[in-house]
Amino acid sequence: MIDVLYFAWIRERIGEPKEQVETTAATVADLVDELKTRSEAHALAFSDMSAIRVAVDQDLTEMTAPLNGVREVAFFPPMTGG
C-alpha cells in the first residue's frame, strides 16, 4: 500500500488531498498510468505530465523512479522561487 499525496491544482482536480493505493506499478510512471484509470478527474489531473513534479518518500525524483519499498508518492506542480 502506498500513500499518494496531491497538492495545489492536482488536489483540486482529483478532489482529495491523498489516497492509499494498492499497486503493482514498478515505477512512478506506471503508477500514474494506473491512477489515470481511477476516474475522469484523475485522467484530467495527469493529462499533462510536463506540468507535474513528483517526490518519492519526500525526495524529489523523476517519473522513472522505482517504487519498490516506497511508502509515499507526492504529486505537485513545479515550484516557483521568490
PDB file of N, CA and C in Angstrom:
ATOM      1  N   MET A   1       0.844  -1.177   0.000  1.00  0.00           N
ATOM      2  CA  MET A   1       0.000   0.000   0.000  1.00  0.00           C
ATOM      3  C   MET A   1       0.892   1.244   0.000  1.00  0.00           C
ATOM      4  N   ILE A   2       0.596   2.173  -0.881  1.00  0.00           N
ATOM      5  CA  ILE A   2       1.359   3.416  -0.992  1.00  0.00           C
ATOM      6  C   ILE A   2       0.419   4.586  -0.711  1.00  0.00           C
ATOM      7  N   ASP A   3       0.881   5.548   0.088  1.00  0.00           N
ATOM      8  CA  ASP A   3       0.148   6.797   0.263  1.00  0.00           C
ATOM      9  C   ASP A   3       0.480   7.697  -0.922  1.00  0.00           C
ATOM     10  N   VAL A   4      -0.547   8.160  -1.612  1.00  0.00           N
ATOM     11  CA  VAL A   4      -0.360   9.077  -2.737  1.00  0.00           C
ATOM     12  C   VAL A   4      -0.942  10.421  -2.314  1.00  0.00           C
ATOM     13  N   LEU A   5      -0.086  11.456  -2.353  1.00  0.00           N
ATOM     14  CA  LEU A   5      -0.490  12.795  -1.930  1.00  0.00           C
ATOM     15  C   LEU A   5      -0.585  13.716  -3.141  1.00  0.00           C
ATOM     16  N   TYR A   6      -1.588  14.589  -3.114  1.00  0.00           N
ATOM     17  CA  TYR A   6      -1.813  15.544  -4.201  1.00  0.00           C
ATOM     18  C   TYR A   6      -1.783  16.954  -3.648  1.00  0.00           C
ATOM     19  N   PHE A   7      -1.135  17.866  -4.364  1.00  0.00           N
ATOM     20  CA  PHE A   7      -1.018  19.251  -3.922  1.00  0.00           C
ATOM     21  C   PHE A   7      -1.498  20.225  -4.995  1.00  0.00           C
ATOM     22  N   ALA A   8      -1.928  21.395  -4.536  1.00  0.00           N
ATOM     23  CA  ALA A   8      -2.327  22.530  -5.390  1.00  0.00           C
ATOM     24  C   ALA A   8      -3.433  22.122  -6.364  1.00  0.00           C
ATOM     25  N   TRP A   9      -3.301  22.491  -7.628  1.00  0.00           N
ATOM     26  CA  TRP A   9      -4.383  22.232  -8.588  1.00  0.00           C
ATOM     27  C   TRP A   9      -4.585  20.746  -8.852  1.00  0.00           C
ATOM     28  N   ILE A  10      -3.585  19.926  -8.606  1.00  0.00           N
ATOM     29  CA  ILE A  10      -3.754  18.484  -8.789  1.00  0.00           C
ATOM     30  C   ILE A  10      -4.773  17.972  -7.770  1.00  0.00           C
ATOM     31  N   ARG A  11      -4.627  18.413  -6.513  1.00  0.00           N
ATOM     32  CA  ARG A  11      -5.575  18.061  -5.463  1.00  0.00           C
ATOM     33  C   ARG A  11      -6.974  18.569  -5.816  1.00  0.00           C
ATOM     34  N   GLU A  12      -7.053  19.788  -6.321  1.00  0.00           N
ATOM     35  CA  GLU A  12      -8.350  20.354  -6.679  1.00  0.00           C
ATOM     36  C   GLU A  12      -9.034  19.550  -7.782  1.00  0.00           C
ATOM     37  N   ARG A  13      -8.287  19.127  -8.774  1.00  0.00           N
ATOM     38  CA  ARG A  13      -8.879  18.350  -9.874  1.00  0.00           C
ATOM     39  C   ARG A  13      -9.328  16.970  -9.427  1.00  0.00           C
ATOM     40  N   ILE A  14      -8.537  16.339  -8.583  1.00  0.00           N
ATOM     41  CA  ILE A  14      -8.877  14.987  -8.126  1.00  0.00           C
ATOM     42  C   ILE A  14      -9.939  15.042  -7.029  1.00  0.00           C
ATOM     43  N   GLY A  15      -9.913  16.097  -6.235  1.00  0.00           N
ATOM     44  CA  GLY A  15     -10.914  16.258  -5.189  1.00  0.00           C
ATOM     45  C   GLY A  15     -10.546  15.629  -3.860  1.00  0.00           C
ATOM     46  N   GLU A  16      -9.308  15.183  -3.736  1.00  0.00           N
ATOM     47  CA  GLU A  16      -8.827  14.577  -2.497  1.00  0.00           C
ATOM     48  C   GLU A  16      -7.382  14.997  -2.263  1.00  0.00           C
ATOM     49  N   PRO A  17      -6.995  15.198  -1.001  1.00  0.00           N
ATOM     50  CA  PRO A  17      -5.596  15.540  -0.732  1.00  0.00           C
ATOM     51  C   PRO A  17      -4.669  14.322  -0.774  1.00  0.00           C
ATOM     52  N   LYS A  18      -5.238  13.138  -0.499  1.00  0.00           N
ATOM     53  CA  LYS A  18      -4.420  11.921  -0.544  1.00  0.00           C
ATOM     54  C   LYS A  18      -5.319  10.701  -0.632  1.00  0.00           C
ATOM     55  N   GLU A  19      -4.716   9.604  -1.023  1.00  0.00           N
ATOM     56  CA  GLU A  19      -5.414   8.320  -1.031  1.00  0.00           C
ATOM     57  C   GLU A  19      -4.389   7.216  -0.873  1.00  0.00           C
ATOM     58  N   GLN A  20      -4.846   6.077  -0.370  1.00  0.00           N
ATOM     59  CA  GLN A  20      -3.985   4.903  -0.283  1.00  0.00           C
ATOM     60  C   GLN A  20      -4.251   4.048  -1.502  1.00  0.00           C
ATOM     61  N   VAL A  21      -3.165   3.627  -2.132  1.00  0.00           N
ATOM     62  CA  VAL A  21      -3.273   2.890  -3.386  1.00  0.00           C
ATOM     63  C   VAL A  21      -2.543   1.565  -3.253  1.00  0.00           C
ATOM     64  N   GLU A  22      -3.238   0.518  -3.603  1.00  0.00           N
ATOM     65  CA  GLU A  22      -2.597  -0.780  -3.719  1.00  0.00           C
ATOM     66  C   GLU A  22      -2.194  -0.918  -5.172  1.00  0.00           C
ATOM     67  N   THR A  23      -0.907  -1.139  -5.412  1.00  0.00           N
ATOM     68  CA  THR A  23      -0.414  -1.111  -6.779  1.00  0.00           C
ATOM     69  C   THR A  23       0.642  -2.169  -7.023  1.00  0.00           C
ATOM     70  N   THR A  24       0.765  -2.545  -8.267  1.00  0.00           N
ATOM     71  CA  THR A  24       1.851  -3.423  -8.696  1.00  0.00           C
ATOM     72  C   THR A  24       2.812  -2.646  -9.598  1.00  0.00           C
ATOM     73  N   ALA A  25       2.645  -1.327  -9.648  1.00  0.00           N
ATOM     74  CA  ALA A  25       3.475  -0.476 -10.504  1.00  0.00           C
ATOM     75  C   ALA A  25       4.949  -0.588 -10.112  1.00  0.00           C
ATOM     76  N   ALA A  26       5.808  -0.660 -11.121  1.00  0.00           N
ATOM     77  CA  ALA A  26       7.244  -0.755 -10.875  1.00  0.00           C
ATOM     78  C   ALA A  26       7.889   0.626 -10.750  1.00  0.00           C
ATOM     79  N   THR A  27       7.312   1.620 -11.440  1.00  0.00           N
ATOM     80  CA  THR A  27       7.873   2.970 -11.440  1.00  0.00           C
ATOM     81  C   THR A  27       6.763   3.989 -11.189  1.00  0.00           C
ATOM     82  N   VAL A  28       7.159   5.236 -10.948  1.00  0.00           N
ATOM     83  CA  VAL A  28       6.182   6.308 -10.778  1.00  0.00           C
ATOM     84  C   VAL A  28       5.331   6.435 -12.038  1.00  0.00           C
ATOM     85  N   ALA A  29       5.952   6.357 -13.202  1.00  0.00           N
ATOM     86  CA  ALA A  29       5.201   6.457 -14.468  1.00  0.00           C
ATOM     87  C   ALA A  29       4.133   5.368 -14.565  1.00  0.00           C
ATOM     88  N   ASP A  30       4.464   4.156 -14.139  1.00  0.00           N
ATOM     89  CA  ASP A  30       3.486   3.064 -14.138  1.00  0.00           C
ATOM     90  C   ASP A  30       2.341   3.380 -13.175  1.00  0.00           C
ATOM     91  N   LEU A  31       2.672   3.965 -12.022  1.00  0.00           N
ATOM     92  CA  LEU A  31       1.653   4.348 -11.051  1.00  0.00           C
ATOM     93  C   LEU A  31       0.722   5.401 -11.653  1.00  0.00           C
ATOM     94  N   VAL A  32       1.280   6.372 -12.345  1.00  0.00           N
ATOM     95  CA  VAL A  32       0.463   7.411 -12.987  1.00  0.00           C
ATOM     96  C   VAL A  32      -0.496   6.770 -13.985  1.00  0.00           C
ATOM     97  N   ASP A  33      -0.014   5.819 -14.770  1.00  0.00           N
ATOM     98  CA  ASP A  33      -0.884   5.123 -15.724  1.00  0.00           C
ATOM     99  C   ASP A  33      -2.048   4.454 -15.004  1.00  0.00           C
ATOM    100  N   GLU A  34      -1.779   3.830 -13.851  1.00  0.00           N
ATOM    101  CA  GLU A  34      -2.844   3.209 -13.063  1.00  0.00           C
ATOM    102  C   GLU A  34      -3.809   4.254 -12.503  1.00  0.00           C
ATOM    103  N   LEU A  35      -3.259   5.348 -11.990  1.00  0.00           N
ATOM    104  CA  LEU A  35      -4.098   6.394 -11.403  1.00  0.00           C
ATOM    105  C   LEU A  35      -5.035   7.012 -12.438  1.00  0.00           C
ATOM    106  N   LYS A  36      -4.553   7.160 -13.664  1.00  0.00           N
ATOM    107  CA  LYS A  36      -5.372   7.744 -14.738  1.00  0.00           C
ATOM    108  C   LYS A  36      -6.646   6.940 -14.984  1.00  0.00           C
ATOM    109  N   THR A  37      -6.620   5.659 -14.678  1.00  0.00           N
ATOM    110  CA  THR A  37      -7.785   4.804 -14.923  1.00  0.00           C
ATOM    111  C   THR A  37      -8.793   4.834 -13.776  1.00  0.00           C
ATOM    112  N   ARG A  38      -8.469   5.485 -12.663  1.00  0.00           N
ATOM    113  CA  ARG A  38      -9.352   5.502 -11.486  1.00  0.00           C
ATOM    114  C   ARG A  38     -10.613   6.330 -11.699  1.00  0.00           C
ATOM    115  N   SER A  39     -10.472   7.451 -12.425  1.00  0.00           N
ATOM    116  CA  SER A  39     -11.628   8.316 -12.659  1.00  0.00           C
ATOM    117  C   SER A  39     -11.292   9.338 -13.739  1.00  0.00           C
ATOM    118  N   GLU A  40     -12.318  10.009 -14.235  1.00  0.00           N
ATOM    119  CA  GLU A  40     -12.080  11.086 -15.194  1.00  0.00           C
ATOM    120  C   GLU A  40     -11.280  12.206 -14.554  1.00  0.00           C
ATOM    121  N   ALA A  41     -11.514  12.468 -13.271  1.00  0.00           N
ATOM    122  CA  ALA A  41     -10.775  13.507 -12.564  1.00  0.00           C
ATOM    123  C   ALA A  41      -9.285  13.184 -12.507  1.00  0.00           C
ATOM    124  N   HIS A  42      -8.957  11.926 -12.245  1.00  0.00           N
ATOM    125  CA  HIS A  42      -7.553  11.510 -12.238  1.00  0.00           C
ATOM    126  C   HIS A  42      -6.950  11.668 -13.631  1.00  0.00           C
ATOM    127  N   ALA A  43      -7.680  11.229 -14.639  1.00  0.00           N
ATOM    128  CA  ALA A  43      -7.180  11.331 -16.012  1.00  0.00           C
ATOM    129  C   ALA A  43      -6.906  12.786 -16.379  1.00  0.00           C
ATOM    130  N   LEU A  44      -7.810  13.682 -15.978  1.00  0.00           N
ATOM    131  CA  LEU A  44      -7.620  15.106 -16.254  1.00  0.00           C
ATOM    132  C   LEU A  44      -6.413  15.652 -15.500  1.00  0.00           C
ATOM    133  N   ALA A  45      -6.288  15.308 -14.236  1.00  0.00           N
ATOM    134  CA  ALA A  45      -5.177  15.811 -13.424  1.00  0.00           C
ATOM    135  C   ALA A  45      -3.821  15.397 -13.987  1.00  0.00           C
ATOM    136  N   PHE A  46      -3.753  14.195 -14.540  1.00  0.00           N
ATOM    137  CA  PHE A  46      -2.477  13.687 -15.056  1.00  0.00           C
ATOM    138  C   PHE A  46      -2.371  13.779 -16.579  1.00  0.00           C
ATOM    139  N   SER A  47      -3.190  14.616 -17.192  1.00  0.00           N
ATOM    140  CA  SER A  47      -3.186  14.702 -18.659  1.00  0.00           C
ATOM    141  C   SER A  47      -1.949  15.397 -19.222  1.00  0.00           C
ATOM    142  N   ASP A  48      -1.323  16.295 -18.455  1.00  0.00           N
ATOM    143  CA  ASP A  48      -0.115  16.990 -18.916  1.00  0.00           C
ATOM    144  C   ASP A  48       0.998  16.764 -17.902  1.00  0.00           C
ATOM    145  N   MET A  49       1.748  15.714 -18.102  1.00  0.00           N
ATOM    146  CA  MET A  49       2.780  15.353 -17.132  1.00  0.00           C
ATOM    147  C   MET A  49       3.948  16.330 -17.112  1.00  0.00           C
ATOM    148  N   SER A  50       4.082  17.184 -18.120  1.00  0.00           N
ATOM    149  CA  SER A  50       5.151  18.175 -18.107  1.00  0.00           C
ATOM    150  C   SER A  50       4.901  19.233 -17.035  1.00  0.00           C
ATOM    151  N   ALA A  51       3.660  19.306 -16.526  1.00  0.00           N
ATOM    152  CA  ALA A  51       3.302  20.297 -15.517  1.00  0.00           C
ATOM    153  C   ALA A  51       3.249  19.699 -14.118  1.00  0.00           C
ATOM    154  N   ILE A  52       3.795  18.494 -13.955  1.00  0.00           N
ATOM    155  CA  ILE A  52       3.732  17.812 -12.664  1.00  0.00           C
ATOM    156  C   ILE A  52       5.124  17.354 -12.244  1.00  0.00           C
ATOM    157  N   ARG A  53       5.430  17.569 -10.982  1.00  0.00           N
ATOM    158  CA  ARG A  53       6.663  17.066 -10.382  1.00  0.00           C
ATOM    159  C   ARG A  53       6.285  15.985  -9.383  1.00  0.00           C
ATOM    160  N   VAL A  54       7.284  15.178  -9.008  1.00  0.00           N
ATOM    161  CA  VAL A  54       6.999  14.061  -8.097  1.00  0.00           C
ATOM    162  C   VAL A  54       8.100  13.931  -7.053  1.00  0.00           C
ATOM    163  N   ALA A  55       7.673  13.539  -5.857  1.00  0.00           N
ATOM    164  CA  ALA A  55       8.607  13.200  -4.783  1.00  0.00           C
ATOM    165  C   ALA A  55       8.246  11.801  -4.292  1.00  0.00           C
ATOM    166  N   VAL A  56       9.264  11.001  -4.064  1.00  0.00           N
ATOM    167  CA  VAL A  56       9.096   9.644  -3.547  1.00  0.00           C
ATOM    168  C   VAL A  56       9.731   9.603  -2.169  1.00  0.00           C
ATOM    169  N   ASP A  57       8.936   9.260  -1.165  1.00  0.00           N
ATOM    170  CA  ASP A  57       9.384   9.289   0.224  1.00  0.00           C
ATOM    171  C   ASP A  57      10.093  10.609   0.544  1.00  0.00           C
ATOM    172  N   GLN A  58       9.491  11.698   0.089  1.00  0.00           N
ATOM    173  CA  GLN A  58       9.891  13.082   0.341  1.00  0.00           C
ATOM    174  C   GLN A  58      11.189  13.496  -0.350  1.00  0.00           C
ATOM    175  N   ASP A  59      11.625  12.738  -1.356  1.00  0.00           N
ATOM    176  CA  ASP A  59      12.789  13.117  -2.161  1.00  0.00           C
ATOM    177  C   ASP A  59      12.330  13.397  -3.580  1.00  0.00           C
ATOM    178  N   LEU A  60      12.624  14.598  -4.076  1.00  0.00           N
ATOM    179  CA  LEU A  60      12.288  14.958  -5.445  1.00  0.00           C
ATOM    180  C   LEU A  60      12.972  13.990  -6.399  1.00  0.00           C
ATOM    181  N   THR A  61      12.209  13.485  -7.373  1.00  0.00           N
ATOM    182  CA  THR A  61      12.764  12.479  -8.271  1.00  0.00           C
ATOM    183  C   THR A  61      12.107  12.572  -9.641  1.00  0.00           C
ATOM    184  N   GLU A  62      12.379  11.600 -10.485  1.00  0.00           N
ATOM    185  CA  GLU A  62      11.858  11.543 -11.848  1.00  0.00           C
ATOM    186  C   GLU A  62      10.733  10.512 -11.940  1.00  0.00           C
ATOM    187  N   MET A  63       9.980  10.573 -13.017  1.00  0.00           N
ATOM    188  CA  MET A  63       8.880   9.634 -13.245  1.00  0.00           C
ATOM    189  C   MET A  63       9.377   8.196 -13.435  1.00  0.00           C
ATOM    190  N   THR A  64      10.657   8.045 -13.712  1.00  0.00           N
ATOM    191  CA  THR A  64      11.227   6.707 -13.909  1.00  0.00           C
ATOM    192  C   THR A  64      11.665   6.061 -12.596  1.00  0.00           C
ATOM    193  N   ALA A  65      11.487   6.769 -11.480  1.00  0.00           N
ATOM    194  CA  ALA A  65      11.933   6.252 -10.176  1.00  0.00           C
ATOM    195  C   ALA A  65      11.200   4.957  -9.826  1.00  0.00           C
ATOM    196  N   PRO A  66      11.938   3.977  -9.298  1.00  0.00           N
ATOM    197  CA  PRO A  66      11.311   2.712  -8.887  1.00  0.00           C
ATOM    198  C   PRO A  66      10.466   2.893  -7.634  1.00  0.00           C
ATOM    199  N   LEU A  67       9.453   2.042  -7.483  1.00  0.00           N
ATOM    200  CA  LEU A  67       8.555   2.117  -6.337  1.00  0.00           C
ATOM    201  C   LEU A  67       8.768   1.001  -5.317  1.00  0.00           C
ATOM    202  N   ASN A  68       9.717   0.155  -5.543  1.00  0.00           N
ATOM    203  CA  ASN A  68       9.968  -0.958  -4.638  1.00  0.00           C
ATOM    204  C   ASN A  68      10.293  -0.441  -3.230  1.00  0.00           C
ATOM    205  N   GLY A  69       9.470  -0.800  -2.254  1.00  0.00           N
ATOM    206  CA  GLY A  69       9.695  -0.397  -0.874  1.00  0.00           C
ATOM    207  C   GLY A  69       9.259   1.018  -0.531  1.00  0.00           C
ATOM    208  N   VAL A  70       8.662   1.722  -1.481  1.00  0.00           N
ATOM    209  CA  VAL A  70       8.246   3.113  -1.269  1.00  0.00           C
ATOM    210  C   VAL A  70       6.973   3.170  -0.433  1.00  0.00           C
ATOM    211  N   ARG A  71       6.909   4.149   0.478  1.00  0.00           N
ATOM    212  CA  ARG A  71       5.724   4.334   1.315  1.00  0.00           C
ATOM    213  C   ARG A  71       4.856   5.497   0.852  1.00  0.00           C
ATOM    214  N   GLU A  72       5.482   6.510   0.199  1.00  0.00           N
ATOM    215  CA  GLU A  72       4.735   7.717  -0.139  1.00  0.00           C
ATOM    216  C   GLU A  72       5.188   8.293  -1.477  1.00  0.00           C
ATOM    217  N   VAL A  73       4.205   8.682  -2.300  1.00  0.00           N
ATOM    218  CA  VAL A  73       4.467   9.379  -3.556  1.00  0.00           C
ATOM    219  C   VAL A  73       3.636  10.651  -3.533  1.00  0.00           C
ATOM    220  N   ALA A  74       4.272  11.782  -3.812  1.00  0.00           N
ATOM    221  CA  ALA A  74       3.569  13.067  -3.811  1.00  0.00           C
ATOM    222  C   ALA A  74       3.668  13.714  -5.182  1.00  0.00           C
ATOM    223  N   PHE A  75       2.547  14.237  -5.656  1.00  0.00           N
ATOM    224  CA  PHE A  75       2.490  14.924  -6.939  1.00  0.00           C
ATOM    225  C   PHE A  75       2.151  16.394  -6.701  1.00  0.00           C
ATOM    226  N   PHE A  76       2.876  17.287  -7.388  1.00  0.00           N
ATOM    227  CA  PHE A  76       2.654  18.718  -7.215  1.00  0.00           C
ATOM    228  C   PHE A  76       3.129  19.463  -8.459  1.00  0.00           C
ATOM    229  N   PRO A  77       2.631  20.695  -8.647  1.00  0.00           N
ATOM    230  CA  PRO A  77       3.090  21.485  -9.784  1.00  0.00           C
ATOM    231  C   PRO A  77       4.518  21.987  -9.550  1.00  0.00           C
ATOM    232  N   PRO A  78       5.187  22.418 -10.617  1.00  0.00           N
ATOM    233  CA  PRO A  78       6.547  22.964 -10.449  1.00  0.00           C
ATOM    234  C   PRO A  78       6.535  24.120  -9.458  1.00  0.00           C
ATOM    235  N   MET A  79       7.572  24.195  -8.671  1.00  0.00           N
ATOM    236  CA  MET A  79       7.690  25.274  -7.687  1.00  0.00           C
ATOM    237  C   MET A  79       8.294  26.505  -8.350  1.00  0.00           C
ATOM    238  N   THR A  80       7.830  27.657  -7.939  1.00  0.00           N
ATOM    239  CA  THR A  80       8.421  28.894  -8.413  1.00  0.00           C
ATOM    240  C   THR A  80       9.137  29.557  -7.252  1.00  0.00           C
ATOM    241  N   GLY A  81      10.237  30.170  -7.551  1.00  0.00           N
ATOM    242  CA  GLY A  81      11.032  30.775  -6.487  1.00  0.00           C
ATOM    243  C   GLY A  81      10.640  32.210  -6.212  1.00  0.00           C
ATOM    244  N   GLY A  82      11.257  32.731  -5.178  1.00  0.00           N
ATOM    245  CA  GLY A  82      10.968  34.120  -4.887  1.00  0.00           C
ATOM    246  C   GLY A  82      11.551  34.545  -3.568  1.00  0.00           C
TER     247      GLY A  82
END
